Amino acid sequence: MAIIWGGILGMLLGYIGGQLEAAPISFLNAAIIGAVFAVLAANIVYTITDKANPRRQSK
Protein backbone atom coordinates (compact mmCIF):
# COMPACT_ATOMS: atom_id res chain seq x y z
CA MET A 1 0.00 0.00 0.00
CA ALA A 2 2.91 2.35 0.76
CA ILE A 3 4.25 1.84 -2.76
CA ILE A 4 0.93 2.74 -4.39
CA TRP A 5 0.34 5.83 -2.26
CA GLY A 6 3.97 6.85 -2.56
CA GLY A 7 3.71 6.68 -6.33
CA ILE A 8 0.49 8.71 -6.37
CA LEU A 9 1.85 11.37 -4.03
CA GLY A 10 5.14 11.47 -5.95
CA MET A 11 3.28 12.18 -9.19
CA LEU A 12 1.16 14.83 -7.47
CA LEU A 13 4.20 16.60 -6.01
CA GLY A 14 6.01 16.29 -9.33
CA TYR A 15 3.09 17.89 -11.15
CA ILE A 16 2.82 20.75 -8.68
CA GLY A 17 6.59 21.32 -8.71
CA GLY A 18 6.66 21.22 -12.50
CA GLN A 19 3.89 23.80 -12.73
CA LEU A 20 5.57 26.10 -10.23
CA GLU A 21 8.91 25.90 -12.02
CA ALA A 22 7.39 25.80 -15.53
CA ALA A 23 9.48 22.69 -16.21
CA PRO A 24 8.53 19.41 -17.83
CA ILE A 25 7.90 16.48 -15.49
CA SER A 26 8.45 12.77 -15.99
CA PHE A 27 5.54 11.10 -14.20
CA LEU A 28 7.24 7.70 -14.28
CA ASN A 29 10.34 9.02 -12.51
CA ALA A 30 8.20 10.93 -10.00
CA ALA A 31 6.16 7.81 -9.21
CA ILE A 32 9.25 5.64 -8.74
CA ILE A 33 10.98 8.17 -6.50
CA GLY A 34 7.80 8.66 -4.46
CA ALA A 35 7.37 4.90 -4.01
CA VAL A 36 10.97 4.46 -2.88
CA PHE A 37 10.68 7.29 -0.36
CA ALA A 38 7.38 5.88 0.95
CA VAL A 39 8.92 2.45 1.57
CA LEU A 40 11.95 4.02 3.26
CA ALA A 41 9.77 6.26 5.44
CA ALA A 42 7.55 3.35 6.49
CA ASN A 43 10.55 1.25 7.49
CA ILE A 44 12.24 4.12 9.31
CA VAL A 45 9.11 4.94 11.32
CA TYR A 46 8.67 1.27 12.21
CA THR A 47 12.30 0.98 13.34
CA ILE A 48 12.19 4.16 15.42
CA THR A 49 8.97 3.23 17.19
CA ASP A 50 10.16 -0.34 17.75
CA LYS A 51 13.35 0.88 19.44
CA ALA A 52 11.49 3.53 21.47
CA ASN A 53 9.74 0.85 23.53
CA PRO A 54 12.28 -1.90 24.34
CA ARG A 55 9.64 -4.15 25.94
CA ARG A 56 7.78 -4.37 22.64
CA GLN A 57 10.70 -5.17 20.34
CA SER A 58 10.05 -7.88 17.77
CA LYS A 59 12.63 -10.59 17.48
C-alpha atoms as a PDB file:
ATOM      1  CA  MET A   1       0.000   0.000   0.000  1.00  0.00           C
ATOM      2  CA  ALA A   2       2.907   2.345   0.759  1.00  0.00           C
ATOM      3  CA  ILE A   3       4.248   1.838  -2.762  1.00  0.00           C
ATOM      4  CA  ILE A   4       0.934   2.739  -4.390  1.00  0.00           C
ATOM      5  CA  TRP A   5       0.336   5.829  -2.257  1.00  0.00           C
ATOM      6  CA  GLY A   6       3.972   6.852  -2.564  1.00  0.00           C
ATOM      7  CA  GLY A   7       3.707   6.685  -6.334  1.00  0.00           C
ATOM      8  CA  ILE A   8       0.493   8.707  -6.370  1.00  0.00           C
ATOM      9  CA  LEU A   9       1.851  11.372  -4.029  1.00  0.00           C
ATOM     10  CA  GLY A  10       5.139  11.467  -5.955  1.00  0.00           C
ATOM     11  CA  MET A  11       3.280  12.180  -9.190  1.00  0.00           C
ATOM     12  CA  LEU A  12       1.163  14.825  -7.469  1.00  0.00           C
ATOM     13  CA  LEU A  13       4.199  16.595  -6.010  1.00  0.00           C
ATOM     14  CA  GLY A  14       6.005  16.290  -9.331  1.00  0.00           C
ATOM     15  CA  TYR A  15       3.092  17.885 -11.151  1.00  0.00           C
ATOM     16  CA  ILE A  16       2.818  20.747  -8.684  1.00  0.00           C
ATOM     17  CA  GLY A  17       6.589  21.322  -8.713  1.00  0.00           C
ATOM     18  CA  GLY A  18       6.659  21.215 -12.497  1.00  0.00           C
ATOM     19  CA  GLN A  19       3.895  23.796 -12.733  1.00  0.00           C
ATOM     20  CA  LEU A  20       5.572  26.101 -10.231  1.00  0.00           C
ATOM     21  CA  GLU A  21       8.907  25.896 -12.020  1.00  0.00           C
ATOM     22  CA  ALA A  22       7.390  25.804 -15.533  1.00  0.00           C
ATOM     23  CA  ALA A  23       9.481  22.695 -16.209  1.00  0.00           C
ATOM     24  CA  PRO A  24       8.527  19.409 -17.832  1.00  0.00           C
ATOM     25  CA  ILE A  25       7.900  16.475 -15.487  1.00  0.00           C
ATOM     26  CA  SER A  26       8.448  12.766 -15.992  1.00  0.00           C
ATOM     27  CA  PHE A  27       5.543  11.100 -14.198  1.00  0.00           C
ATOM     28  CA  LEU A  28       7.237   7.698 -14.278  1.00  0.00           C
ATOM     29  CA  ASN A  29      10.336   9.018 -12.510  1.00  0.00           C
ATOM     30  CA  ALA A  30       8.202  10.927 -10.002  1.00  0.00           C
ATOM     31  CA  ALA A  31       6.158   7.808  -9.213  1.00  0.00           C
ATOM     32  CA  ILE A  32       9.248   5.638  -8.738  1.00  0.00           C
ATOM     33  CA  ILE A  33      10.982   8.169  -6.501  1.00  0.00           C
ATOM     34  CA  GLY A  34       7.795   8.663  -4.464  1.00  0.00           C
ATOM     35  CA  ALA A  35       7.368   4.899  -4.011  1.00  0.00           C
ATOM     36  CA  VAL A  36      10.973   4.459  -2.882  1.00  0.00           C
ATOM     37  CA  PHE A  37      10.681   7.288  -0.362  1.00  0.00           C
ATOM     38  CA  ALA A  38       7.377   5.881   0.953  1.00  0.00           C
ATOM     39  CA  VAL A  39       8.920   2.452   1.574  1.00  0.00           C
ATOM     40  CA  LEU A  40      11.952   4.022   3.260  1.00  0.00           C
ATOM     41  CA  ALA A  41       9.774   6.258   5.436  1.00  0.00           C
ATOM     42  CA  ALA A  42       7.550   3.353   6.490  1.00  0.00           C
ATOM     43  CA  ASN A  43      10.551   1.254   7.492  1.00  0.00           C
ATOM     44  CA  ILE A  44      12.244   4.122   9.313  1.00  0.00           C
ATOM     45  CA  VAL A  45       9.110   4.941  11.316  1.00  0.00           C
ATOM     46  CA  TYR A  46       8.666   1.266  12.206  1.00  0.00           C
ATOM     47  CA  THR A  47      12.302   0.983  13.344  1.00  0.00           C
ATOM     48  CA  ILE A  48      12.189   4.163  15.417  1.00  0.00           C
ATOM     49  CA  THR A  49       8.968   3.230  17.187  1.00  0.00           C
ATOM     50  CA  ASP A  50      10.156  -0.336  17.754  1.00  0.00           C
ATOM     51  CA  LYS A  51      13.348   0.884  19.444  1.00  0.00           C
ATOM     52  CA  ALA A  52      11.491   3.531  21.473  1.00  0.00           C
ATOM     53  CA  ASN A  53       9.737   0.850  23.528  1.00  0.00           C
ATOM     54  CA  PRO A  54      12.280  -1.900  24.339  1.00  0.00           C
ATOM     55  CA  ARG A  55       9.643  -4.151  25.938  1.00  0.00           C
ATOM     56  CA  ARG A  56       7.780  -4.366  22.637  1.00  0.00           C
ATOM     57  CA  GLN A  57      10.701  -5.171  20.338  1.00  0.00           C
ATOM     58  CA  SER A  58      10.051  -7.878  17.773  1.00  0.00           C
ATOM     59  CA  LYS A  59      12.634 -10.588  17.476  1.00  0.00           C
END
